[in-house]
Amino acid sequence: QVQLVESGGGLVQPGGSLRLSCAASGNIFSIYTMGWHRQAPGKQRELVATITNTGSMQYAESVKGRFTISKDDVKNMVYLQMNSLTPEDTAVYYCNRVHSGGSEYWGQGTQVTVSS
């Protein structure tokens, strides 16, 4: 089993920045994909960004150029640096980890609210 704990959410003004963190613990596999997803009120959960154990990254079109995903394998952490935030980025952000073999794990989520 793997536990994921997100942190770093909060209230920020439009144009501001936040950095989300996700700590993984438990039965950690070395081959994985970790990602950030978000779910806004009344909308389906959507993929924001992913990063693999080899460092390959992918982003949703809506966040390209504004968000950056990174990882620290020593600390079993993944981060999401979010810049130039807009009200449309308001959502609960979830950390996700998929191991080779298909096991998938989710964190509890952290709220990000972009408002003046």
PDB file of N, CA and C in Angstrom:
ATOM      1  N   GLN A   1       0.842  -1.201   0.000  1.00  0.00           N
ATOM      2  CA  GLN A   1       0.000   0.000   0.000  1.00  0.00           C
ATOM      3  C   GLN A   1       0.869   1.240   0.000  1.00  0.00           C
ATOM      4  N   VAL A   2       0.365   2.293  -0.623  1.00  0.00           N
ATOM      5  CA  VAL A   2       1.072   3.570  -0.701  1.00  0.00           C
ATOM      6  C   VAL A   2       0.159   4.663  -0.171  1.00  0.00           C
ATOM      7  N   GLN A   3       0.726   5.540   0.627  1.00  0.00           N
ATOM      8  CA  GLN A   3      -0.018   6.697   1.129  1.00  0.00           C
ATOM      9  C   GLN A   3       0.526   7.956   0.460  1.00  0.00           C
ATOM     10  N   LEU A   4      -0.387   8.812   0.048  1.00  0.00           N
ATOM     11  CA  LEU A   4      -0.036  10.085  -0.567  1.00  0.00           C
ATOM     12  C   LEU A   4      -0.678  11.208   0.229  1.00  0.00           C
ATOM     13  N   VAL A   5       0.123  12.200   0.582  1.00  0.00           N
ATOM     14  CA  VAL A   5      -0.382  13.327   1.361  1.00  0.00           C
ATOM     15  C   VAL A   5      -0.011  14.612   0.652  1.00  0.00           C
ATOM     16  N   GLU A   6      -1.037  15.367   0.257  1.00  0.00           N
ATOM     17  CA  GLU A   6      -0.820  16.645  -0.417  1.00  0.00           C
ATOM     18  C   GLU A   6      -0.771  17.782   0.601  1.00  0.00           C
ATOM     19  N   SER A   7      -0.073  18.838   0.231  1.00  0.00           N
ATOM     20  CA  SER A   7      -0.048  20.055   1.026  1.00  0.00           C
ATOM     21  C   SER A   7       0.256  21.230   0.110  1.00  0.00           C
ATOM     22  N   GLY A   8       0.030  22.438   0.641  1.00  0.00           N
ATOM     23  CA  GLY A   8       0.407  23.634  -0.094  1.00  0.00           C
ATOM     24  C   GLY A   8      -0.738  24.389  -0.722  1.00  0.00           C
ATOM     25  N   GLY A   9      -1.950  23.851  -0.634  1.00  0.00           N
ATOM     26  CA  GLY A   9      -3.082  24.576  -1.196  1.00  0.00           C
ATOM     27  C   GLY A   9      -3.428  25.798  -0.357  1.00  0.00           C
ATOM     28  N   GLY A  10      -4.356  26.586  -0.878  1.00  0.00           N
ATOM     29  CA  GLY A  10      -4.776  27.771  -0.146  1.00  0.00           C
ATOM     30  C   GLY A  10      -5.472  28.751  -1.044  1.00  0.00           C
ATOM     31  N   LEU A  11      -5.613  29.963  -0.517  1.00  0.00           N
ATOM     32  CA  LEU A  11      -6.254  31.055  -1.241  1.00  0.00           C
ATOM     33  C   LEU A  11      -5.175  31.977  -1.807  1.00  0.00           C
ATOM     34  N   VAL A  12      -5.292  32.287  -3.078  1.00  0.00           N
ATOM     35  CA  VAL A  12      -4.313  33.149  -3.724  1.00  0.00           C
ATOM     36  C   VAL A  12      -5.045  34.080  -4.692  1.00  0.00           C
ATOM     37  N   GLN A  13      -4.504  35.258  -4.892  1.00  0.00           N
ATOM     38  CA  GLN A  13      -5.109  36.214  -5.812  1.00  0.00           C
ATOM     39  C   GLN A  13      -4.775  35.851  -7.252  1.00  0.00           C
ATOM     40  N   PRO A  14      -5.619  36.256  -8.183  1.00  0.00           N
ATOM     41  CA  PRO A  14      -5.286  36.028  -9.603  1.00  0.00           C
ATOM     42  C   PRO A  14      -3.919  36.593  -9.942  1.00  0.00           C
ATOM     43  N   GLY A  15      -3.164  35.820 -10.700  1.00  0.00           N
ATOM     44  CA  GLY A  15      -1.801  36.198 -11.043  1.00  0.00           C
ATOM     45  C   GLY A  15      -0.762  35.698 -10.055  1.00  0.00           C
ATOM     46  N   GLY A  16      -1.223  35.166  -8.954  1.00  0.00           N
ATOM     47  CA  GLY A  16      -0.305  34.691  -7.925  1.00  0.00           C
ATOM     48  C   GLY A  16       0.212  33.284  -8.187  1.00  0.00           C
ATOM     49  N   SER A  17       0.970  32.797  -7.220  1.00  0.00           N
ATOM     50  CA  SER A  17       1.612  31.485  -7.347  1.00  0.00           C
ATOM     51  C   SER A  17       1.375  30.647  -6.100  1.00  0.00           C
ATOM     52  N   LEU A  18       1.397  29.352  -6.297  1.00  0.00           N
ATOM     53  CA  LEU A  18       1.362  28.386  -5.207  1.00  0.00           C
ATOM     54  C   LEU A  18       2.233  27.207  -5.590  1.00  0.00           C
ATOM     55  N   ARG A  19       2.758  26.537  -4.585  1.00  0.00           N
ATOM     56  CA  ARG A  19       3.511  25.314  -4.804  1.00  0.00           C
ATOM     57  C   ARG A  19       2.873  24.191  -4.004  1.00  0.00           C
ATOM     58  N   LEU A  20       2.384  23.190  -4.710  1.00  0.00           N
ATOM     59  CA  LEU A  20       1.811  22.023  -4.065  1.00  0.00           C
ATOM     60  C   LEU A  20       2.880  20.951  -3.887  1.00  0.00           C
ATOM     61  N   SER A  21       2.761  20.215  -2.796  1.00  0.00           N
ATOM     62  CA  SER A  21       3.671  19.111  -2.521  1.00  0.00           C
ATOM     63  C   SER A  21       2.872  17.843  -2.274  1.00  0.00           C
ATOM     64  N   CYS A  22       3.474  16.718  -2.641  1.00  0.00           N
ATOM     65  CA  CYS A  22       2.849  15.427  -2.394  1.00  0.00           C
ATOM     66  C   CYS A  22       3.926  14.483  -1.864  1.00  0.00           C
ATOM     67  N   ALA A  23       3.692  13.977  -0.670  1.00  0.00           N
ATOM     68  CA  ALA A  23       4.629  13.053  -0.045  1.00  0.00           C
ATOM     69  C   ALA A  23       4.096  11.630  -0.175  1.00  0.00           C
ATOM     70  N   ALA A  24       4.938  10.755  -0.690  1.00  0.00           N
ATOM     71  CA  ALA A  24       4.569   9.350  -0.848  1.00  0.00           C
ATOM     72  C   ALA A  24       5.293   8.514   0.204  1.00  0.00           C
ATOM     73  N   SER A  25       4.587   7.552   0.761  1.00  0.00           N
ATOM     74  CA  SER A  25       5.190   6.645   1.730  1.00  0.00           C
ATOM     75  C   SER A  25       4.543   5.272   1.579  1.00  0.00           C
ATOM     76  N   GLY A  26       5.224   4.286   2.166  1.00  0.00           N
ATOM     77  CA  GLY A  26       4.692   2.937   2.093  1.00  0.00           C
ATOM     78  C   GLY A  26       5.492   2.080   1.129  1.00  0.00           C
ATOM     79  N   ASN A  27       4.810   1.254   0.385  1.00  0.00           N
ATOM     80  CA  ASN A  27       5.435   0.297  -0.520  1.00  0.00           C
ATOM     81  C   ASN A  27       5.748   0.975  -1.862  1.00  0.00           C
ATOM     82  N   ILE A  28       6.853   1.740  -1.851  1.00  0.00           N
ATOM     83  CA  ILE A  28       7.206   2.565  -3.007  1.00  0.00           C
ATOM     84  C   ILE A  28       7.916   1.718  -4.055  1.00  0.00           C
ATOM     85  N   PHE A  29       7.427   1.772  -5.293  1.00  0.00           N
ATOM     86  CA  PHE A  29       8.088   1.128  -6.419  1.00  0.00           C
ATOM     87  C   PHE A  29       8.968   2.151  -7.115  1.00  0.00           C
ATOM     88  N   SER A  30      10.037   1.699  -7.703  1.00  0.00           N
ATOM     89  CA  SER A  30      10.962   2.623  -8.369  1.00  0.00           C
ATOM     90  C   SER A  30      10.509   2.999  -9.775  1.00  0.00           C
ATOM     91  N   ILE A  31       9.614   2.230 -10.357  1.00  0.00           N
ATOM     92  CA  ILE A  31       9.092   2.539 -11.690  1.00  0.00           C
ATOM     93  C   ILE A  31       7.643   3.007 -11.515  1.00  0.00           C
ATOM     94  N   TYR A  32       7.404   4.253 -11.892  1.00  0.00           N
ATOM     95  CA  TYR A  32       6.099   4.839 -11.580  1.00  0.00           C
ATOM     96  C   TYR A  32       5.807   6.027 -12.471  1.00  0.00           C
ATOM     97  N   THR A  33       4.562   6.450 -12.424  1.00  0.00           N
ATOM     98  CA  THR A  33       4.152   7.752 -12.932  1.00  0.00           C
ATOM     99  C   THR A  33       3.411   8.456 -11.804  1.00  0.00           C
ATOM    100  N   MET A  34       3.802   9.670 -11.537  1.00  0.00           N
ATOM    101  CA  MET A  34       3.072  10.479 -10.551  1.00  0.00           C
ATOM    102  C   MET A  34       2.455  11.658 -11.246  1.00  0.00           C
ATOM    103  N   GLY A  35       1.314  12.057 -10.740  1.00  0.00           N
ATOM    104  CA  GLY A  35       0.615  13.144 -11.408  1.00  0.00           C
ATOM    105  C   GLY A  35      -0.215  13.974 -10.468  1.00  0.00           C
ATOM    106  N   TRP A  36      -0.616  15.101 -10.982  1.00  0.00           N
ATOM    107  CA  TRP A  36      -1.570  15.982 -10.324  1.00  0.00           C
ATOM    108  C   TRP A  36      -2.821  16.050 -11.188  1.00  0.00           C
ATOM    109  N   HIS A  37      -3.947  15.913 -10.515  1.00  0.00           N
ATOM    110  CA  HIS A  37      -5.244  16.037 -11.150  1.00  0.00           C
ATOM    111  C   HIS A  37      -6.035  17.066 -10.367  1.00  0.00           C
ATOM    112  N   ARG A  38      -7.069  17.600 -10.963  1.00  0.00           N
ATOM    113  CA  ARG A  38      -7.893  18.562 -10.245  1.00  0.00           C
ATOM    114  C   ARG A  38      -9.357  18.375 -10.590  1.00  0.00           C
ATOM    115  N   GLN A  39     -10.181  18.782  -9.640  1.00  0.00           N
ATOM    116  CA  GLN A  39     -11.617  18.703  -9.845  1.00  0.00           C
ATOM    117  C   GLN A  39     -12.263  19.973  -9.330  1.00  0.00           C
ATOM    118  N   ALA A  40     -12.843  20.710 -10.245  1.00  0.00           N
ATOM    119  CA  ALA A  40     -13.565  21.932  -9.892  1.00  0.00           C
ATOM    120  C   ALA A  40     -15.015  21.573  -9.588  1.00  0.00           C
ATOM    121  N   PRO A  41     -15.709  22.424  -8.836  1.00  0.00           N
ATOM    122  CA  PRO A  41     -17.111  22.148  -8.508  1.00  0.00           C
ATOM    123  C   PRO A  41     -17.957  21.940  -9.756  1.00  0.00           C
ATOM    124  N   GLY A  42     -18.709  20.842  -9.788  1.00  0.00           N
ATOM    125  CA  GLY A  42     -19.585  20.563 -10.908  1.00  0.00           C
ATOM    126  C   GLY A  42     -18.900  20.041 -12.151  1.00  0.00           C
ATOM    127  N   LYS A  43     -17.599  19.783 -12.053  1.00  0.00           N
ATOM    128  CA  LYS A  43     -16.850  19.312 -13.222  1.00  0.00           C
ATOM    129  C   LYS A  43     -16.188  17.983 -12.925  1.00  0.00           C
ATOM    130  N   GLN A  44     -15.813  17.287 -13.999  1.00  0.00           N
ATOM    131  CA  GLN A  44     -15.106  16.029 -13.833  1.00  0.00           C
ATOM    132  C   GLN A  44     -13.653  16.281 -13.464  1.00  0.00           C
ATOM    133  N   ARG A  45     -13.068  15.290 -12.821  1.00  0.00           N
ATOM    134  CA  ARG A  45     -11.651  15.378 -12.496  1.00  0.00           C
ATOM    135  C   ARG A  45     -10.845  15.358 -13.788  1.00  0.00           C
ATOM    136  N   GLU A  46      -9.827  16.214 -13.853  1.00  0.00           N
ATOM    137  CA  GLU A  46      -9.014  16.290 -15.052  1.00  0.00           C
ATOM    138  C   GLU A  46      -7.534  16.205 -14.709  1.00  0.00           C
ATOM    139  N   LEU A  47      -6.790  15.679 -15.665  1.00  0.00           N
ATOM    140  CA  LEU A  47      -5.350  15.580 -15.506  1.00  0.00           C
ATOM    141  C   LEU A  47      -4.715  16.952 -15.667  1.00  0.00           C
ATOM    142  N   VAL A  48      -3.795  17.265 -14.790  1.00  0.00           N
ATOM    143  CA  VAL A  48      -3.066  18.536 -14.872  1.00  0.00           C
ATOM    144  C   VAL A  48      -1.649  18.309 -15.393  1.00  0.00           C
ATOM    145  N   ALA A  49      -0.925  17.387 -14.764  1.00  0.00           N
ATOM    146  CA  ALA A  49       0.457  17.133 -15.165  1.00  0.00           C
ATOM    147  C   ALA A  49       0.895  15.787 -14.620  1.00  0.00           C
ATOM    148  N   THR A  50       1.834  15.152 -15.344  1.00  0.00           N
ATOM    149  CA  THR A  50       2.407  13.894 -14.882  1.00  0.00           C
ATOM    150  C   THR A  50       3.914  13.917 -15.047  1.00  0.00           C
ATOM    151  N   ILE A  51       4.570  13.090 -14.251  1.00  0.00           N
ATOM    152  CA  ILE A  51       6.014  12.913 -14.367  1.00  0.00           C
ATOM    153  C   ILE A  51       6.331  11.460 -14.074  1.00  0.00           C
ATOM    154  N   THR A  52       7.216  10.872 -14.871  1.00  0.00           N
ATOM    155  CA  THR A  52       7.585   9.482 -14.661  1.00  0.00           C
ATOM    156  C   THR A  52       8.882   9.396 -13.860  1.00  0.00           C
ATOM    157  N   ASN A  53       9.225   8.173 -13.487  1.00  0.00           N
ATOM    158  CA  ASN A  53      10.461   7.975 -12.728  1.00  0.00           C
ATOM    159  C   ASN A  53      11.685   8.378 -13.560  1.00  0.00           C
ATOM    160  N   THR A  54      11.538   8.374 -14.893  1.00  0.00           N
ATOM    161  CA  THR A  54      12.651   8.779 -15.757  1.00  0.00           C
ATOM    162  C   THR A  54      12.681  10.286 -15.987  1.00  0.00           C
ATOM    163  N   GLY A  55      11.695  10.993 -15.472  1.00  0.00           N
ATOM    164  CA  GLY A  55      11.662  12.442 -15.605  1.00  0.00           C
ATOM    165  C   GLY A  55      10.857  12.956 -16.779  1.00  0.00           C
ATOM    166  N   SER A  56      10.180  12.086 -17.485  1.00  0.00           N
ATOM    167  CA  SER A  56       9.344  12.514 -18.603  1.00  0.00           C
ATOM    168  C   SER A  56       8.096  13.199 -18.067  1.00  0.00           C
ATOM    169  N   MET A  57       7.790  14.372 -18.616  1.00  0.00           N
ATOM    170  CA  MET A  57       6.687  15.181 -18.108  1.00  0.00           C
ATOM    171  C   MET A  57       5.645  15.428 -19.199  1.00  0.00           C
ATOM    172  N   GLN A  58       4.400  15.547 -18.771  1.00  0.00           N
ATOM    173  CA  GLN A  58       3.316  15.934 -19.659  1.00  0.00           C
ATOM    174  C   GLN A  58       2.409  16.911 -18.922  1.00  0.00           C
ATOM    175  N   TYR A  59       1.809  17.808 -19.697  1.00  0.00           N
ATOM    176  CA  TYR A  59       0.939  18.827 -19.119  1.00  0.00           C
ATOM    177  C   TYR A  59      -0.357  18.951 -19.912  1.00  0.00           C
ATOM    178  N   ALA A  60      -1.408  19.315 -19.189  1.00  0.00           N
ATOM    179  CA  ALA A  60      -2.637  19.698 -19.869  1.00  0.00           C
ATOM    180  C   ALA A  60      -2.391  21.007 -20.609  1.00  0.00           C
ATOM    181  N   GLU A  61      -3.067  21.168 -21.727  1.00  0.00           N
ATOM    182  CA  GLU A  61      -2.871  22.381 -22.526  1.00  0.00           C
ATOM    183  C   GLU A  61      -3.173  23.637 -21.713  1.00  0.00           C
ATOM    184  N   SER A  62      -4.143  23.555 -20.835  1.00  0.00           N
ATOM    185  CA  SER A  62      -4.586  24.727 -20.075  1.00  0.00           C
ATOM    186  C   SER A  62      -3.553  25.230 -19.079  1.00  0.00           C
ATOM    187  N   VAL A  63      -2.556  24.414 -18.758  1.00  0.00           N
ATOM    188  CA  VAL A  63      -1.569  24.834 -17.763  1.00  0.00           C
ATOM    189  C   VAL A  63      -0.157  24.934 -18.332  1.00  0.00           C
ATOM    190  N   LYS A  64       0.025  24.569 -19.578  1.00  0.00           N
ATOM    191  CA  LYS A  64       1.361  24.630 -20.185  1.00  0.00           C
ATOM    192  C   LYS A  64       1.901  26.044 -20.109  1.00  0.00           C
ATOM    193  N   GLY A  65       3.159  26.142 -19.705  1.00  0.00           N
ATOM    194  CA  GLY A  65       3.798  27.447 -19.589  1.00  0.00           C
ATOM    195  C   GLY A  65       3.546  28.138 -18.268  1.00  0.00           C
ATOM    196  N   ARG A  66       2.610  27.619 -17.485  1.00  0.00           N
ATOM    197  CA  ARG A  66       2.314  28.235 -16.185  1.00  0.00           C
ATOM    198  C   ARG A  66       2.641  27.302 -15.011  1.00  0.00           C
ATOM    199  N   PHE A  67       2.432  26.011 -15.202  1.00  0.00           N
ATOM    200  CA  PHE A  67       2.665  25.034 -14.142  1.00  0.00           C
ATOM    201  C   PHE A  67       3.905  24.207 -14.470  1.00  0.00           C
ATOM    202  N   THR A  68       4.607  23.806 -13.419  1.00  0.00           N
ATOM    203  CA  THR A  68       5.773  22.947 -13.577  1.00  0.00           C
ATOM    204  C   THR A  68       5.720  21.820 -12.561  1.00  0.00           C
ATOM    205  N   ILE A  69       5.816  20.595 -13.038  1.00  0.00           N
ATOM    206  CA  ILE A  69       5.856  19.430 -12.154  1.00  0.00           C
ATOM    207  C   ILE A  69       7.305  19.004 -11.976  1.00  0.00           C
ATOM    208  N   SER A  70       7.642  18.592 -10.758  1.00  0.00           N
ATOM    209  CA  SER A  70       8.995  18.130 -10.478  1.00  0.00           C
ATOM    210  C   SER A  70       8.939  17.060  -9.399  1.00  0.00           C
ATOM    211  N   LYS A  71      10.071  16.397  -9.181  1.00  0.00           N
ATOM    212  CA  LYS A  71      10.083  15.301  -8.218  1.00  0.00           C
ATOM    213  C   LYS A  71      11.404  15.244  -7.471  1.00  0.00           C
ATOM    214  N   ASP A  72      11.382  14.614  -6.334  1.00  0.00           N
ATOM    215  CA  ASP A  72      12.581  14.345  -5.546  1.00  0.00           C
ATOM    216  C   ASP A  72      12.469  12.891  -5.101  1.00  0.00           C
ATOM    217  N   ASP A  73      13.175  12.020  -5.792  1.00  0.00           N
ATOM    218  CA  ASP A  73      13.048  10.591  -5.506  1.00  0.00           C
ATOM    219  C   ASP A  73      13.682  10.217  -4.163  1.00  0.00           C
ATOM    220  N   VAL A  74      14.615  10.981  -3.692  1.00  0.00           N
ATOM    221  CA  VAL A  74      15.220  10.700  -2.389  1.00  0.00           C
ATOM    222  C   VAL A  74      14.183  10.901  -1.283  1.00  0.00           C
ATOM    223  N   LYS A  75      13.407  11.951  -1.434  1.00  0.00           N
ATOM    224  CA  LYS A  75      12.388  12.260  -0.439  1.00  0.00           C
ATOM    225  C   LYS A  75      11.020  11.661  -0.784  1.00  0.00           C
ATOM    226  N   ASN A  76      10.912  11.016  -1.937  1.00  0.00           N
ATOM    227  CA  ASN A  76       9.625  10.478  -2.399  1.00  0.00           C
ATOM    228  C   ASN A  76       8.570  11.572  -2.458  1.00  0.00           C
ATOM    229  N   MET A  77       8.949  12.690  -3.075  1.00  0.00           N
ATOM    230  CA  MET A  77       8.069  13.843  -3.180  1.00  0.00           C
ATOM    231  C   MET A  77       7.838  14.190  -4.637  1.00  0.00           C
ATOM    232  N   VAL A  78       6.670  14.761  -4.904  1.00  0.00           N
ATOM    233  CA  VAL A  78       6.405  15.377  -6.190  1.00  0.00           C
ATOM    234  C   VAL A  78       5.804  16.748  -5.916  1.00  0.00           C
ATOM    235  N   TYR A  79       6.118  17.697  -6.768  1.00  0.00           N
ATOM    236  CA  TYR A  79       5.712  19.079  -6.564  1.00  0.00           C
ATOM    237  C   TYR A  79       4.982  19.601  -7.796  1.00  0.00           C
ATOM    238  N   LEU A  80       4.161  20.612  -7.565  1.00  0.00           N
ATOM    239  CA  LEU A  80       3.525  21.304  -8.676  1.00  0.00           C
ATOM    240  C   LEU A  80       3.648  22.797  -8.406  1.00  0.00           C
ATOM    241  N   GLN A  81       4.519  23.445  -9.154  1.00  0.00           N
ATOM    242  CA  GLN A  81       4.656  24.893  -9.066  1.00  0.00           C
ATOM    243  C   GLN A  81       3.641  25.520 -10.005  1.00  0.00           C
ATOM    244  N   MET A  82       2.769  26.334  -9.444  1.00  0.00           N
ATOM    245  CA  MET A  82       1.695  26.945 -10.222  1.00  0.00           C
ATOM    246  C   MET A  82       1.879  28.455 -10.224  1.00  0.00           C
ATOM    247  N   ASN A  83       2.072  29.006 -11.401  1.00  0.00           N
ATOM    248  CA  ASN A  83       2.249  30.448 -11.570  1.00  0.00           C
ATOM    249  C   ASN A  83       1.121  31.027 -12.414  1.00  0.00           C
ATOM    250  N   SER A  84       0.985  32.320 -12.353  1.00  0.00           N
ATOM    251  CA  SER A  84      -0.030  33.032 -13.149  1.00  0.00           C
ATOM    252  C   SER A  84      -1.408  32.392 -12.992  1.00  0.00           C
ATOM    253  N   LEU A  85      -1.759  32.166 -11.763  1.00  0.00           N
ATOM    254  CA  LEU A  85      -3.029  31.486 -11.480  1.00  0.00           C
ATOM    255  C   LEU A  85      -4.218  32.356 -11.852  1.00  0.00           C
ATOM    256  N   THR A  86      -5.260  31.703 -12.322  1.00  0.00           N
ATOM    257  CA  THR A  86      -6.514  32.367 -12.677  1.00  0.00           C
ATOM    258  C   THR A  86      -7.661  31.711 -11.905  1.00  0.00           C
ATOM    259  N   PRO A  87      -8.804  32.376 -11.822  1.00  0.00           N
ATOM    260  CA  PRO A  87      -9.949  31.755 -11.134  1.00  0.00           C
ATOM    261  C   PRO A  87     -10.320  30.386 -11.713  1.00  0.00           C
ATOM    262  N   GLU A  88     -10.019  30.162 -12.985  1.00  0.00           N
ATOM    263  CA  GLU A  88     -10.325  28.874 -13.613  1.00  0.00           C
ATOM    264  C   GLU A  88      -9.458  27.744 -13.063  1.00  0.00           C
ATOM    265  N   ASP A  89      -8.420  28.073 -12.337  1.00  0.00           N
ATOM    266  CA  ASP A  89      -7.569  27.059 -11.720  1.00  0.00           C
ATOM    267  C   ASP A  89      -8.110  26.621 -10.359  1.00  0.00           C
ATOM    268  N   THR A  90      -9.153  27.257  -9.895  1.00  0.00           N
ATOM    269  CA  THR A  90      -9.752  26.887  -8.616  1.00  0.00           C
ATOM    270  C   THR A  90     -10.297  25.467  -8.670  1.00  0.00           C
ATOM    271  N   ALA A  91      -9.848  24.645  -7.752  1.00  0.00           N
ATOM    272  CA  ALA A  91     -10.240  23.235  -7.746  1.00  0.00           C
ATOM    273  C   ALA A  91      -9.609  22.553  -6.536  1.00  0.00           C
ATOM    274  N   VAL A  92     -10.038  21.328  -6.305  1.00  0.00           N
ATOM    275  CA  VAL A  92      -9.310  20.459  -5.384  1.00  0.00           C
ATOM    276  C   VAL A  92      -8.265  19.717  -6.221  1.00  0.00           C
ATOM    277  N   TYR A  93      -7.037  19.790  -5.769  1.00  0.00           N
ATOM    278  CA  TYR A  93      -5.925  19.169  -6.495  1.00  0.00           C
ATOM    279  C   TYR A  93      -5.545  17.866  -5.800  1.00  0.00           C
ATOM    280  N   TYR A  94      -5.461  16.817  -6.602  1.00  0.00           N
ATOM    281  CA  TYR A  94      -5.164  15.488  -6.087  1.00  0.00           C
ATOM    282  C   TYR A  94      -3.843  14.974  -6.640  1.00  0.00           C
ATOM    283  N   CYS A  95      -3.091  14.352  -5.776  1.00  0.00           N
ATOM    284  CA  CYS A  95      -1.868  13.669  -6.165  1.00  0.00           C
ATOM    285  C   CYS A  95      -2.204  12.211  -6.469  1.00  0.00           C
ATOM    286  N   ASN A  96      -1.531  11.675  -7.452  1.00  0.00           N
ATOM    287  CA  ASN A  96      -1.814  10.320  -7.927  1.00  0.00           C
ATOM    288  C   ASN A  96      -0.493   9.625  -8.234  1.00  0.00           C
ATOM    289  N   ARG A  97      -0.438   8.348  -7.930  1.00  0.00           N
ATOM    290  CA  ARG A  97       0.768   7.570  -8.239  1.00  0.00           C
ATOM    291  C   ARG A  97       0.335   6.238  -8.840  1.00  0.00           C
ATOM    292  N   VAL A  98       0.939   5.894  -9.961  1.00  0.00           N
ATOM    293  CA  VAL A  98       0.667   4.629 -10.634  1.00  0.00           C
ATOM    294  C   VAL A  98       1.968   3.854 -10.727  1.00  0.00           C
ATOM    295  N   HIS A  99       1.946   2.640 -10.180  1.00  0.00           N
ATOM    296  CA  HIS A  99       3.136   1.802 -10.247  1.00  0.00           C
ATOM    297  C   HIS A  99       3.110   0.917 -11.479  1.00  0.00           C
ATOM    298  N   SER A 100       4.274   0.470 -11.884  1.00  0.00           N
ATOM    299  CA  SER A 100       4.350  -0.542 -12.934  1.00  0.00           C
ATOM    300  C   SER A 100       3.549  -1.746 -12.437  1.00  0.00           C
ATOM    301  N   GLY A 101       2.709  -2.293 -13.284  1.00  0.00           N
ATOM    302  CA  GLY A 101       1.808  -3.356 -12.860  1.00  0.00           C
ATOM    303  C   GLY A 101       0.390  -2.837 -12.678  1.00  0.00           C
ATOM    304  N   GLY A 102       0.249  -1.502 -12.606  1.00  0.00           N
ATOM    305  CA  GLY A 102      -1.076  -0.906 -12.627  1.00  0.00           C
ATOM    306  C   GLY A 102      -1.660  -0.464 -11.318  1.00  0.00           C
ATOM    307  N   SER A 103      -1.004  -0.735 -10.196  1.00  0.00           N
ATOM    308  CA  SER A 103      -1.551  -0.267  -8.918  1.00  0.00           C
ATOM    309  C   SER A 103      -1.601   1.251  -8.913  1.00  0.00           C
ATOM    310  N   GLU A 104      -2.713   1.785  -8.468  1.00  0.00           N
ATOM    311  CA  GLU A 104      -2.915   3.231  -8.506  1.00  0.00           C
ATOM    312  C   GLU A 104      -3.358   3.721  -7.138  1.00  0.00           C
ATOM    313  N   TYR A 105      -2.820   4.876  -6.758  1.00  0.00           N
ATOM    314  CA  TYR A 105      -3.084   5.433  -5.443  1.00  0.00           C
ATOM    315  C   TYR A 105      -3.406   6.909  -5.572  1.00  0.00           C
ATOM    316  N   TRP A 106      -4.245   7.396  -4.657  1.00  0.00           N
ATOM    317  CA  TRP A 106      -4.673   8.792  -4.653  1.00  0.00           C
ATOM    318  C   TRP A 106      -4.515   9.396  -3.267  1.00  0.00           C
ATOM    319  N   GLY A 107      -4.193  10.674  -3.257  1.00  0.00           N
ATOM    320  CA  GLY A 107      -4.221  11.416  -2.020  1.00  0.00           C
ATOM    321  C   GLY A 107      -5.612  11.936  -1.738  1.00  0.00           C
ATOM    322  N   GLN A 108      -5.741  12.633  -0.614  1.00  0.00           N
ATOM    323  CA  GLN A 108      -7.038  13.151  -0.184  1.00  0.00           C
ATOM    324  C   GLN A 108      -7.398  14.473  -0.853  1.00  0.00           C
ATOM    325  N   GLY A 109      -6.420  15.134  -1.415  1.00  0.00           N
ATOM    326  CA  GLY A 109      -6.678  16.390  -2.116  1.00  0.00           C
ATOM    327  C   GLY A 109      -6.371  17.608  -1.265  1.00  0.00           C
ATOM    328  N   THR A 110      -6.056  18.702  -1.959  1.00  0.00           N
ATOM    329  CA  THR A 110      -5.828  19.974  -1.305  1.00  0.00           C
ATOM    330  C   THR A 110      -6.538  21.061  -2.117  1.00  0.00           C
ATOM    331  N   GLN A 111      -7.215  21.949  -1.419  1.00  0.00           N
ATOM    332  CA  GLN A 111      -8.022  22.968  -2.085  1.00  0.00           C
ATOM    333  C   GLN A 111      -7.163  24.136  -2.538  1.00  0.00           C
ATOM    334  N   VAL A 112      -7.334  24.523  -3.779  1.00  0.00           N
ATOM    335  CA  VAL A 112      -6.708  25.733  -4.317  1.00  0.00           C
ATOM    336  C   VAL A 112      -7.835  26.660  -4.756  1.00  0.00           C
ATOM    337  N   THR A 113      -7.834  27.858  -4.205  1.00  0.00           N
ATOM    338  CA  THR A 113      -8.845  28.852  -4.547  1.00  0.00           C
ATOM    339  C   THR A 113      -8.147  30.106  -5.046  1.00  0.00           C
ATOM    340  N   VAL A 114      -8.501  30.513  -6.249  1.00  0.00           N
ATOM    341  CA  VAL A 114      -7.920  31.716  -6.851  1.00  0.00           C
ATOM    342  C   VAL A 114      -9.028  32.764  -6.926  1.00  0.00           C
ATOM    343  N   SER A 115      -8.880  33.787  -6.117  1.00  0.00           N
ATOM    344  CA  SER A 115      -9.924  34.798  -6.024  1.00  0.00           C
ATOM    345  C   SER A 115      -9.355  36.093  -5.475  1.00  0.00           C
ATOM    346  N   SER A 116      -9.940  37.199  -5.924  1.00  0.00           N
ATOM    347  CA  SER A 116      -9.528  38.489  -5.386  1.00  0.00           C
ATOM    348  C   SER A 116     -10.430  38.878  -4.229  1.00  0.00           C
TER     349      SER A 116
END
